């Protein structure tokens, strides 16, 4: 097991990145319940205490911290089967950074996709659709070939497009839109 961080190091990371990581947890958990989001944030920092030494040499500490927070949120959602928030997803999106390089509709669809995806595809979706990383960056981060990531992102985009174009009222669909 990897060496953890000292209390001082964790306190410094919390001061610098705590707000950003809490927003990340809020976004991934679609939950306004402060206790659930705070649980995820707290668990993220507990992981740093236990095995966070690699952040000392991370080229991009925030990106590394986001991966820890992402895995923590997904793990908590799976373990506790938290219900997704009942408020519209637009309310969550309003609180998040708008500059991800993707249009809001595609970003919304990507967030809806997270519920239906396995852990690896969740990571890829977050990196591509929320963080705005390109395929080579994702491939480097996850240890896959660029071609594998291109194919997986293409499949995720297709699913996101279906969600994005889905109409709340089936009668609103035109015959030409069913393809």
N, C-alpha and C. Protein backbone atom coordinates (compact mmCIF):
# COMPACT_ATOMS: atom_id res chain seq x y z
N UNK A 1 0.84 -1.18 0.00
CA UNK A 1 0.00 0.00 0.00
C UNK A 1 0.88 1.24 0.00
N UNK A 2 0.46 2.23 -0.68
CA UNK A 2 1.17 3.47 -0.83
C UNK A 2 1.19 4.26 0.48
N UNK A 3 2.21 5.03 0.65
CA UNK A 3 2.31 5.89 1.83
C UNK A 3 1.29 7.02 1.74
N UNK A 4 0.77 7.40 2.88
CA UNK A 4 -0.21 8.48 2.93
C UNK A 4 0.44 9.83 3.11
N UNK A 5 -0.39 10.83 3.26
CA UNK A 5 0.07 12.20 3.46
C UNK A 5 -0.04 12.57 4.93
N UNK A 6 0.75 13.55 5.33
CA UNK A 6 0.68 14.05 6.70
C UNK A 6 -0.57 14.92 6.85
N UNK A 7 -0.96 15.15 8.08
CA UNK A 7 -2.12 16.02 8.34
C UNK A 7 -1.88 17.41 7.78
N UNK A 8 -0.66 17.89 7.87
CA UNK A 8 -0.32 19.21 7.34
C UNK A 8 -0.49 19.27 5.82
N UNK A 9 -0.02 18.23 5.14
CA UNK A 9 -0.15 18.17 3.68
C UNK A 9 -1.62 18.12 3.28
N UNK A 10 -2.41 17.31 3.98
CA UNK A 10 -3.83 17.20 3.66
C UNK A 10 -4.53 18.52 3.92
N UNK A 11 -4.19 19.19 5.02
CA UNK A 11 -4.80 20.49 5.33
C UNK A 11 -4.48 21.51 4.24
N UNK A 12 -3.25 21.47 3.75
CA UNK A 12 -2.85 22.39 2.67
C UNK A 12 -3.64 22.09 1.39
N UNK A 13 -3.77 20.82 1.05
CA UNK A 13 -4.55 20.45 -0.14
C UNK A 13 -6.01 20.85 0.02
N UNK A 14 -6.55 20.69 1.22
CA UNK A 14 -7.95 21.07 1.45
C UNK A 14 -8.13 22.57 1.26
N UNK A 15 -7.19 23.36 1.80
CA UNK A 15 -7.29 24.83 1.64
C UNK A 15 -7.23 25.22 0.17
N UNK A 16 -6.35 24.56 -0.57
CA UNK A 16 -6.17 24.93 -1.98
C UNK A 16 -7.25 24.37 -2.90
N UNK A 17 -7.70 23.14 -2.65
CA UNK A 17 -8.56 22.45 -3.60
C UNK A 17 -9.91 21.99 -3.04
N UNK A 18 -10.14 22.15 -1.76
CA UNK A 18 -11.36 21.64 -1.14
C UNK A 18 -12.63 22.12 -1.81
N UNK A 19 -12.71 23.40 -2.12
CA UNK A 19 -13.91 23.95 -2.76
C UNK A 19 -14.14 23.30 -4.13
N UNK A 20 -13.08 23.18 -4.90
CA UNK A 20 -13.20 22.58 -6.24
C UNK A 20 -13.61 21.11 -6.15
N UNK A 21 -13.04 20.40 -5.20
CA UNK A 21 -13.39 18.98 -5.05
C UNK A 21 -14.83 18.81 -4.56
N UNK A 22 -15.29 19.72 -3.70
CA UNK A 22 -16.68 19.64 -3.24
C UNK A 22 -17.63 19.87 -4.41
N UNK A 23 -17.32 20.85 -5.26
CA UNK A 23 -18.15 21.08 -6.46
C UNK A 23 -18.15 19.85 -7.35
N UNK A 24 -17.01 19.20 -7.46
CA UNK A 24 -16.92 17.99 -8.28
C UNK A 24 -17.82 16.91 -7.69
N UNK A 25 -17.77 16.72 -6.37
CA UNK A 25 -18.62 15.72 -5.71
C UNK A 25 -20.09 16.07 -5.89
N UNK A 26 -20.44 17.33 -5.77
CA UNK A 26 -21.82 17.76 -5.97
C UNK A 26 -22.29 17.42 -7.38
N UNK A 27 -21.45 17.68 -8.36
CA UNK A 27 -21.80 17.41 -9.74
C UNK A 27 -21.98 15.91 -9.99
N UNK A 28 -21.05 15.11 -9.52
CA UNK A 28 -21.09 13.69 -9.82
C UNK A 28 -22.19 12.96 -9.05
N UNK A 29 -22.55 13.47 -7.91
CA UNK A 29 -23.56 12.80 -7.10
C UNK A 29 -24.96 13.35 -7.35
N UNK A 30 -25.08 14.40 -8.13
CA UNK A 30 -26.37 15.02 -8.42
C UNK A 30 -27.17 15.19 -7.14
N UNK A 31 -26.54 15.55 -6.08
CA UNK A 31 -27.24 15.60 -4.81
C UNK A 31 -27.00 16.92 -4.14
N UNK A 32 -28.08 17.52 -3.68
CA UNK A 32 -27.96 18.74 -2.90
C UNK A 32 -27.89 18.42 -1.41
N UNK A 33 -28.11 17.18 -1.05
CA UNK A 33 -28.04 16.82 0.36
C UNK A 33 -26.60 17.04 0.82
N UNK A 34 -26.37 18.06 1.61
CA UNK A 34 -24.99 18.39 2.01
C UNK A 34 -24.27 17.22 2.67
N UNK A 35 -24.98 16.42 3.44
CA UNK A 35 -24.32 15.31 4.13
C UNK A 35 -23.73 14.31 3.14
N UNK A 36 -24.42 14.01 2.05
CA UNK A 36 -23.93 13.05 1.06
C UNK A 36 -22.70 13.58 0.34
N UNK A 37 -22.76 14.84 -0.06
CA UNK A 37 -21.63 15.44 -0.75
C UNK A 37 -20.44 15.57 0.20
N UNK A 38 -20.71 15.97 1.44
CA UNK A 38 -19.64 16.09 2.42
C UNK A 38 -19.02 14.74 2.74
N UNK A 39 -19.84 13.68 2.76
CA UNK A 39 -19.30 12.33 2.97
C UNK A 39 -18.31 11.98 1.87
N UNK A 40 -18.67 12.29 0.63
CA UNK A 40 -17.78 11.99 -0.49
C UNK A 40 -16.49 12.80 -0.40
N UNK A 41 -16.61 14.07 -0.05
CA UNK A 41 -15.42 14.91 0.08
C UNK A 41 -14.54 14.42 1.22
N UNK A 42 -15.16 14.09 2.34
CA UNK A 42 -14.40 13.59 3.49
C UNK A 42 -13.69 12.27 3.13
N UNK A 43 -14.39 11.38 2.47
CA UNK A 43 -13.78 10.10 2.08
C UNK A 43 -12.62 10.33 1.11
N UNK A 44 -12.74 11.31 0.24
CA UNK A 44 -11.66 11.65 -0.69
C UNK A 44 -10.40 12.03 0.09
N UNK A 45 -10.56 12.88 1.10
CA UNK A 45 -9.40 13.31 1.88
C UNK A 45 -8.89 12.20 2.80
N UNK A 46 -9.76 11.31 3.25
CA UNK A 46 -9.29 10.15 4.02
C UNK A 46 -8.41 9.25 3.16
N UNK A 47 -8.77 9.11 1.90
CA UNK A 47 -7.94 8.32 0.99
C UNK A 47 -6.55 8.95 0.84
N UNK A 48 -6.50 10.28 0.85
CA UNK A 48 -5.22 10.96 0.75
C UNK A 48 -4.37 10.71 2.00
N UNK A 49 -5.02 10.68 3.16
CA UNK A 49 -4.29 10.41 4.39
C UNK A 49 -3.71 9.00 4.35
N UNK A 50 -4.50 8.05 3.84
CA UNK A 50 -4.06 6.64 3.81
C UNK A 50 -3.06 6.35 2.70
N UNK A 51 -3.27 6.91 1.51
CA UNK A 51 -2.43 6.49 0.37
C UNK A 51 -2.25 7.61 -0.65
N UNK A 52 -2.08 8.82 -0.21
CA UNK A 52 -2.02 9.95 -1.13
C UNK A 52 -0.64 10.42 -1.54
N UNK A 53 0.39 9.70 -1.15
CA UNK A 53 1.76 10.12 -1.45
C UNK A 53 2.02 10.43 -2.93
N UNK A 54 1.39 9.71 -3.88
CA UNK A 54 1.68 10.00 -5.29
C UNK A 54 1.38 11.44 -5.71
N UNK A 55 0.56 12.15 -4.97
CA UNK A 55 0.26 13.53 -5.37
C UNK A 55 1.49 14.41 -5.23
N UNK A 56 2.41 14.02 -4.40
CA UNK A 56 3.64 14.82 -4.21
C UNK A 56 4.41 14.97 -5.52
N UNK A 57 4.30 13.98 -6.40
CA UNK A 57 5.04 14.03 -7.66
C UNK A 57 4.12 14.18 -8.87
N UNK A 58 2.84 14.40 -8.63
CA UNK A 58 1.89 14.54 -9.74
C UNK A 58 2.19 15.81 -10.53
N UNK A 59 2.19 15.68 -11.86
CA UNK A 59 2.41 16.86 -12.71
C UNK A 59 1.25 17.84 -12.61
N UNK A 60 0.03 17.30 -12.50
CA UNK A 60 -1.16 18.13 -12.39
C UNK A 60 -1.95 17.69 -11.16
N UNK A 61 -1.66 18.27 -10.00
CA UNK A 61 -2.30 17.83 -8.76
C UNK A 61 -3.83 17.88 -8.80
N UNK A 62 -4.39 18.92 -9.38
CA UNK A 62 -5.85 19.01 -9.40
C UNK A 62 -6.47 17.88 -10.21
N UNK A 63 -5.88 17.55 -11.34
CA UNK A 63 -6.38 16.45 -12.15
C UNK A 63 -6.30 15.14 -11.37
N UNK A 64 -5.19 14.95 -10.67
CA UNK A 64 -5.02 13.74 -9.85
C UNK A 64 -6.07 13.70 -8.76
N UNK A 65 -6.31 14.83 -8.09
CA UNK A 65 -7.33 14.90 -7.03
C UNK A 65 -8.73 14.65 -7.59
N UNK A 66 -8.99 15.17 -8.79
CA UNK A 66 -10.30 14.91 -9.41
C UNK A 66 -10.51 13.41 -9.61
N UNK A 67 -9.48 12.68 -10.03
CA UNK A 67 -9.64 11.24 -10.24
C UNK A 67 -9.97 10.53 -8.93
N UNK A 68 -9.31 10.95 -7.85
CA UNK A 68 -9.61 10.36 -6.54
C UNK A 68 -11.06 10.68 -6.16
N UNK A 69 -11.47 11.93 -6.33
CA UNK A 69 -12.85 12.32 -6.00
C UNK A 69 -13.85 11.59 -6.89
N UNK A 70 -13.55 11.46 -8.17
CA UNK A 70 -14.45 10.75 -9.09
C UNK A 70 -14.68 9.32 -8.62
N UNK A 71 -13.59 8.60 -8.37
CA UNK A 71 -13.71 7.21 -7.93
C UNK A 71 -14.45 7.11 -6.60
N UNK A 72 -14.18 8.04 -5.71
CA UNK A 72 -14.84 8.04 -4.41
C UNK A 72 -16.34 8.24 -4.57
N UNK A 73 -16.75 9.20 -5.38
CA UNK A 73 -18.17 9.46 -5.60
C UNK A 73 -18.86 8.25 -6.23
N UNK A 74 -18.25 7.69 -7.26
CA UNK A 74 -18.85 6.53 -7.92
C UNK A 74 -18.94 5.35 -6.96
N UNK A 75 -17.90 5.15 -6.15
CA UNK A 75 -17.94 4.06 -5.17
C UNK A 75 -19.06 4.27 -4.15
N UNK A 76 -19.19 5.50 -3.64
CA UNK A 76 -20.25 5.77 -2.67
C UNK A 76 -21.63 5.60 -3.28
N UNK A 77 -21.79 6.02 -4.52
CA UNK A 77 -23.08 5.85 -5.19
C UNK A 77 -23.43 4.38 -5.34
N UNK A 78 -22.43 3.58 -5.68
CA UNK A 78 -22.67 2.14 -5.83
C UNK A 78 -22.96 1.48 -4.48
N UNK A 79 -22.16 1.82 -3.47
CA UNK A 79 -22.30 1.18 -2.16
C UNK A 79 -23.62 1.53 -1.48
N UNK A 80 -23.97 2.78 -1.54
CA UNK A 80 -25.14 3.22 -0.78
C UNK A 80 -26.38 3.37 -1.63
N UNK A 81 -26.19 3.23 -2.95
CA UNK A 81 -27.31 3.37 -3.88
C UNK A 81 -28.08 4.67 -3.63
N UNK A 82 -27.29 5.75 -3.50
CA UNK A 82 -27.92 7.06 -3.33
C UNK A 82 -28.86 7.33 -4.50
N UNK A 83 -30.01 7.83 -4.22
CA UNK A 83 -30.94 8.22 -5.27
C UNK A 83 -30.41 9.51 -5.89
N UNK A 84 -30.52 9.60 -7.19
CA UNK A 84 -30.14 10.84 -7.85
C UNK A 84 -31.10 11.94 -7.42
N UNK A 85 -30.58 13.13 -7.44
CA UNK A 85 -31.39 14.28 -7.02
C UNK A 85 -32.65 14.38 -7.87
N UNK A 86 -33.73 14.87 -7.25
CA UNK A 86 -34.98 14.99 -7.95
C UNK A 86 -35.10 16.34 -8.65
N UNK A 87 -34.27 17.29 -8.29
CA UNK A 87 -34.29 18.59 -8.94
C UNK A 87 -33.77 18.44 -10.37
N UNK A 88 -34.16 19.35 -11.25
CA UNK A 88 -33.67 19.27 -12.63
C UNK A 88 -32.15 19.36 -12.69
N UNK A 89 -31.59 18.62 -13.62
CA UNK A 89 -30.14 18.60 -13.78
C UNK A 89 -29.61 19.99 -14.12
N UNK A 90 -30.45 20.86 -14.71
CA UNK A 90 -30.02 22.21 -15.04
C UNK A 90 -29.60 22.98 -13.79
N UNK A 91 -30.24 22.70 -12.65
CA UNK A 91 -29.86 23.38 -11.41
C UNK A 91 -28.44 23.03 -11.01
N UNK A 92 -28.04 21.78 -11.21
CA UNK A 92 -26.68 21.37 -10.90
C UNK A 92 -25.72 22.01 -11.89
N UNK A 93 -26.06 21.99 -13.17
CA UNK A 93 -25.18 22.54 -14.19
C UNK A 93 -24.93 24.02 -13.99
N UNK A 94 -25.91 24.76 -13.44
CA UNK A 94 -25.73 26.18 -13.20
C UNK A 94 -24.62 26.46 -12.20
N UNK A 95 -24.33 25.51 -11.31
CA UNK A 95 -23.32 25.69 -10.29
C UNK A 95 -21.93 25.26 -10.74
N UNK A 96 -21.83 24.68 -11.90
CA UNK A 96 -20.57 24.10 -12.35
C UNK A 96 -19.89 25.01 -13.35
N UNK A 97 -18.58 24.83 -13.53
CA UNK A 97 -17.87 25.63 -14.51
C UNK A 97 -18.45 25.41 -15.90
N UNK A 98 -18.67 26.49 -16.63
CA UNK A 98 -19.27 26.39 -17.95
C UNK A 98 -18.23 26.14 -19.03
N UNK A 99 -16.98 26.38 -18.73
CA UNK A 99 -15.93 26.30 -19.73
C UNK A 99 -15.31 24.91 -19.79
N UNK A 100 -16.05 23.95 -20.32
CA UNK A 100 -15.49 22.61 -20.47
C UNK A 100 -15.20 22.29 -21.93
N UNK A 101 -15.49 23.21 -22.83
CA UNK A 101 -15.23 22.97 -24.23
C UNK A 101 -16.37 22.24 -24.93
N UNK A 102 -17.46 21.97 -24.24
CA UNK A 102 -18.58 21.26 -24.84
C UNK A 102 -19.86 22.05 -24.64
N UNK A 103 -20.75 21.91 -25.59
CA UNK A 103 -22.03 22.60 -25.48
C UNK A 103 -22.84 22.04 -24.30
N UNK A 104 -23.65 22.89 -23.67
CA UNK A 104 -24.38 22.46 -22.46
C UNK A 104 -25.27 21.23 -22.66
N UNK A 105 -25.90 21.09 -23.83
CA UNK A 105 -26.77 19.94 -24.04
C UNK A 105 -25.99 18.63 -24.03
N UNK A 106 -24.82 18.63 -24.66
CA UNK A 106 -24.00 17.43 -24.68
C UNK A 106 -23.47 17.13 -23.29
N UNK A 107 -23.11 18.17 -22.57
CA UNK A 107 -22.62 18.00 -21.20
C UNK A 107 -23.72 17.42 -20.31
N UNK A 108 -24.94 17.92 -20.47
CA UNK A 108 -26.08 17.41 -19.70
C UNK A 108 -26.31 15.93 -20.01
N UNK A 109 -26.26 15.60 -21.29
CA UNK A 109 -26.46 14.21 -21.70
C UNK A 109 -25.36 13.32 -21.11
N UNK A 110 -24.13 13.82 -21.08
CA UNK A 110 -23.03 13.04 -20.51
C UNK A 110 -23.26 12.78 -19.03
N UNK A 111 -23.77 13.77 -18.32
CA UNK A 111 -24.03 13.57 -16.90
C UNK A 111 -25.14 12.55 -16.68
N UNK A 112 -26.16 12.56 -17.53
CA UNK A 112 -27.22 11.58 -17.42
C UNK A 112 -26.72 10.17 -17.73
N UNK A 113 -25.74 10.09 -18.61
CA UNK A 113 -25.16 8.80 -18.97
C UNK A 113 -24.48 8.10 -17.79
N UNK A 114 -23.93 8.89 -16.89
CA UNK A 114 -23.13 8.32 -15.81
C UNK A 114 -23.87 7.24 -15.03
N UNK A 115 -25.15 7.40 -14.86
CA UNK A 115 -25.93 6.41 -14.13
C UNK A 115 -25.88 5.03 -14.79
N UNK A 116 -25.85 5.00 -16.10
CA UNK A 116 -25.98 3.74 -16.83
C UNK A 116 -24.64 3.10 -17.17
N UNK A 117 -23.53 3.74 -16.83
CA UNK A 117 -22.22 3.26 -17.26
C UNK A 117 -21.49 2.50 -16.17
N UNK A 118 -20.59 1.63 -16.61
CA UNK A 118 -19.66 0.98 -15.68
C UNK A 118 -18.58 1.95 -15.26
N UNK A 119 -17.77 1.55 -14.30
CA UNK A 119 -16.77 2.45 -13.72
C UNK A 119 -15.79 2.99 -14.76
N UNK A 120 -15.28 2.14 -15.64
CA UNK A 120 -14.31 2.61 -16.64
C UNK A 120 -14.94 3.60 -17.61
N UNK A 121 -16.15 3.29 -18.09
CA UNK A 121 -16.82 4.21 -19.00
C UNK A 121 -17.21 5.50 -18.29
N UNK A 122 -17.51 5.43 -16.99
CA UNK A 122 -17.78 6.65 -16.24
C UNK A 122 -16.54 7.55 -16.25
N UNK A 123 -15.38 6.95 -16.00
CA UNK A 123 -14.14 7.73 -16.02
C UNK A 123 -13.92 8.39 -17.38
N UNK A 124 -14.10 7.62 -18.42
CA UNK A 124 -13.89 8.16 -19.77
C UNK A 124 -14.89 9.28 -20.05
N UNK A 125 -16.15 9.08 -19.69
CA UNK A 125 -17.18 10.10 -19.91
C UNK A 125 -16.85 11.38 -19.15
N UNK A 126 -16.44 11.26 -17.91
CA UNK A 126 -16.10 12.45 -17.12
C UNK A 126 -14.91 13.17 -17.75
N UNK A 127 -13.89 12.41 -18.12
CA UNK A 127 -12.70 13.03 -18.71
C UNK A 127 -13.02 13.73 -20.03
N UNK A 128 -13.81 13.07 -20.88
CA UNK A 128 -14.09 13.62 -22.21
C UNK A 128 -15.15 14.71 -22.19
N UNK A 129 -16.27 14.44 -21.52
CA UNK A 129 -17.42 15.34 -21.63
C UNK A 129 -17.47 16.42 -20.56
N UNK A 130 -16.90 16.16 -19.41
CA UNK A 130 -16.97 17.14 -18.33
C UNK A 130 -15.66 17.90 -18.21
N UNK A 131 -14.53 17.16 -18.22
CA UNK A 131 -13.24 17.81 -18.10
C UNK A 131 -12.74 18.38 -19.42
N UNK A 132 -13.29 17.91 -20.53
CA UNK A 132 -12.87 18.42 -21.84
C UNK A 132 -11.51 17.92 -22.29
N UNK A 133 -11.07 16.77 -21.78
CA UNK A 133 -9.78 16.21 -22.19
C UNK A 133 -9.89 15.61 -23.58
N UNK A 134 -8.80 15.66 -24.34
CA UNK A 134 -8.82 15.02 -25.66
C UNK A 134 -8.50 13.53 -25.52
N UNK A 135 -8.66 12.80 -26.63
CA UNK A 135 -8.50 11.34 -26.58
C UNK A 135 -7.09 10.92 -26.17
N UNK A 136 -6.09 11.64 -26.63
CA UNK A 136 -4.71 11.28 -26.28
C UNK A 136 -4.48 11.47 -24.78
N UNK A 137 -4.99 12.54 -24.22
CA UNK A 137 -4.84 12.77 -22.78
C UNK A 137 -5.53 11.66 -21.97
N UNK A 138 -6.72 11.27 -22.42
CA UNK A 138 -7.45 10.19 -21.74
C UNK A 138 -6.68 8.88 -21.86
N UNK A 139 -6.19 8.60 -23.05
CA UNK A 139 -5.42 7.37 -23.27
C UNK A 139 -4.19 7.34 -22.36
N UNK A 140 -3.48 8.45 -22.27
CA UNK A 140 -2.30 8.52 -21.41
C UNK A 140 -2.68 8.32 -19.94
N UNK A 141 -3.76 8.95 -19.54
CA UNK A 141 -4.21 8.87 -18.14
C UNK A 141 -4.62 7.45 -17.75
N UNK A 142 -5.31 6.75 -18.66
CA UNK A 142 -5.85 5.44 -18.33
C UNK A 142 -5.00 4.26 -18.82
N UNK A 143 -3.99 4.55 -19.63
CA UNK A 143 -3.11 3.48 -20.09
C UNK A 143 -3.67 2.68 -21.26
N UNK A 144 -4.54 3.28 -22.05
CA UNK A 144 -5.09 2.63 -23.24
C UNK A 144 -4.49 3.27 -24.49
N UNK A 145 -4.72 2.63 -25.62
CA UNK A 145 -4.29 3.24 -26.87
C UNK A 145 -5.27 4.37 -27.22
N UNK A 146 -4.79 5.29 -28.00
CA UNK A 146 -5.63 6.40 -28.45
C UNK A 146 -6.82 5.88 -29.26
N UNK A 147 -6.60 4.86 -30.08
CA UNK A 147 -7.67 4.30 -30.91
C UNK A 147 -8.77 3.70 -30.04
N UNK A 148 -8.41 3.03 -28.97
CA UNK A 148 -9.41 2.46 -28.06
C UNK A 148 -10.27 3.58 -27.47
N UNK A 149 -9.63 4.64 -27.06
CA UNK A 149 -10.36 5.77 -26.47
C UNK A 149 -11.24 6.44 -27.53
N UNK A 150 -10.74 6.58 -28.74
CA UNK A 150 -11.54 7.18 -29.82
C UNK A 150 -12.83 6.38 -30.00
N UNK A 151 -12.71 5.06 -30.05
CA UNK A 151 -13.90 4.21 -30.24
C UNK A 151 -14.85 4.32 -29.06
N UNK A 152 -14.31 4.30 -27.86
CA UNK A 152 -15.18 4.35 -26.68
C UNK A 152 -15.86 5.71 -26.55
N UNK A 153 -15.14 6.78 -26.83
CA UNK A 153 -15.73 8.11 -26.78
C UNK A 153 -16.81 8.23 -27.85
N UNK A 154 -16.58 7.66 -29.02
CA UNK A 154 -17.59 7.71 -30.08
C UNK A 154 -18.87 7.01 -29.63
N UNK A 155 -18.74 5.84 -28.99
CA UNK A 155 -19.93 5.14 -28.48
C UNK A 155 -20.63 5.96 -27.41
N UNK A 156 -19.85 6.58 -26.54
CA UNK A 156 -20.45 7.41 -25.49
C UNK A 156 -21.15 8.63 -26.09
N UNK A 157 -20.56 9.21 -27.12
CA UNK A 157 -21.19 10.36 -27.78
C UNK A 157 -22.51 9.96 -28.43
N UNK A 158 -22.54 8.77 -29.02
CA UNK A 158 -23.80 8.28 -29.62
C UNK A 158 -24.89 8.15 -28.57
N UNK A 159 -24.52 7.57 -27.43
CA UNK A 159 -25.50 7.43 -26.35
C UNK A 159 -25.92 8.80 -25.82
N UNK A 160 -24.97 9.69 -25.68
CA UNK A 160 -25.28 11.04 -25.19
C UNK A 160 -26.19 11.77 -26.18
N UNK A 161 -25.94 11.58 -27.47
CA UNK A 161 -26.78 12.21 -28.49
C UNK A 161 -28.21 11.70 -28.40
N UNK A 162 -28.37 10.41 -28.17
CA UNK A 162 -29.73 9.86 -28.03
C UNK A 162 -30.44 10.47 -26.83
N UNK A 163 -29.73 10.64 -25.73
CA UNK A 163 -30.33 11.26 -24.55
C UNK A 163 -30.65 12.72 -24.83
N UNK A 164 -29.74 13.41 -25.49
CA UNK A 164 -29.90 14.83 -25.78
C UNK A 164 -31.10 15.10 -26.67
N UNK A 165 -31.34 14.22 -27.63
CA UNK A 165 -32.43 14.45 -28.57
C UNK A 165 -33.74 13.83 -28.12
N UNK A 166 -33.70 13.10 -27.03
CA UNK A 166 -34.91 12.47 -26.51
C UNK A 166 -35.91 13.56 -26.14
N UNK A 167 -37.14 13.37 -26.56
CA UNK A 167 -38.22 14.34 -26.30
C UNK A 167 -39.06 13.84 -25.14
N UNK A 168 -39.52 14.73 -24.26
CA UNK A 168 -40.36 14.30 -23.15
C UNK A 168 -41.71 13.77 -23.60
N UNK A 169 -42.17 14.21 -24.75
CA UNK A 169 -43.49 13.80 -25.25
C UNK A 169 -43.26 13.09 -26.58
N UNK A 170 -43.60 11.83 -26.64
CA UNK A 170 -43.39 11.05 -27.86
C UNK A 170 -44.11 11.65 -29.05
N UNK A 171 -45.22 12.33 -28.83
CA UNK A 171 -45.95 12.96 -29.93
C UNK A 171 -45.19 14.12 -30.53
N UNK A 172 -44.22 14.63 -29.82
CA UNK A 172 -43.45 15.76 -30.34
C UNK A 172 -42.43 15.32 -31.38
N UNK A 173 -42.18 14.03 -31.48
CA UNK A 173 -41.20 13.54 -32.45
C UNK A 173 -41.80 13.56 -33.85
N UNK A 174 -40.96 13.95 -34.75
CA UNK A 174 -41.36 13.86 -36.15
C UNK A 174 -40.84 12.55 -36.71
N UNK A 175 -41.47 12.05 -37.72
CA UNK A 175 -41.08 10.76 -38.31
C UNK A 175 -39.62 10.76 -38.72
N UNK A 176 -39.11 11.87 -39.23
CA UNK A 176 -37.72 11.93 -39.68
C UNK A 176 -36.71 11.90 -38.56
N UNK A 177 -37.11 12.15 -37.31
CA UNK A 177 -36.19 12.19 -36.19
C UNK A 177 -35.94 10.82 -35.57
N UNK A 178 -36.59 9.79 -36.04
CA UNK A 178 -36.50 8.49 -35.40
C UNK A 178 -35.28 7.69 -35.81
N UNK A 179 -34.47 8.19 -36.70
CA UNK A 179 -33.31 7.43 -37.16
C UNK A 179 -32.22 7.36 -36.13
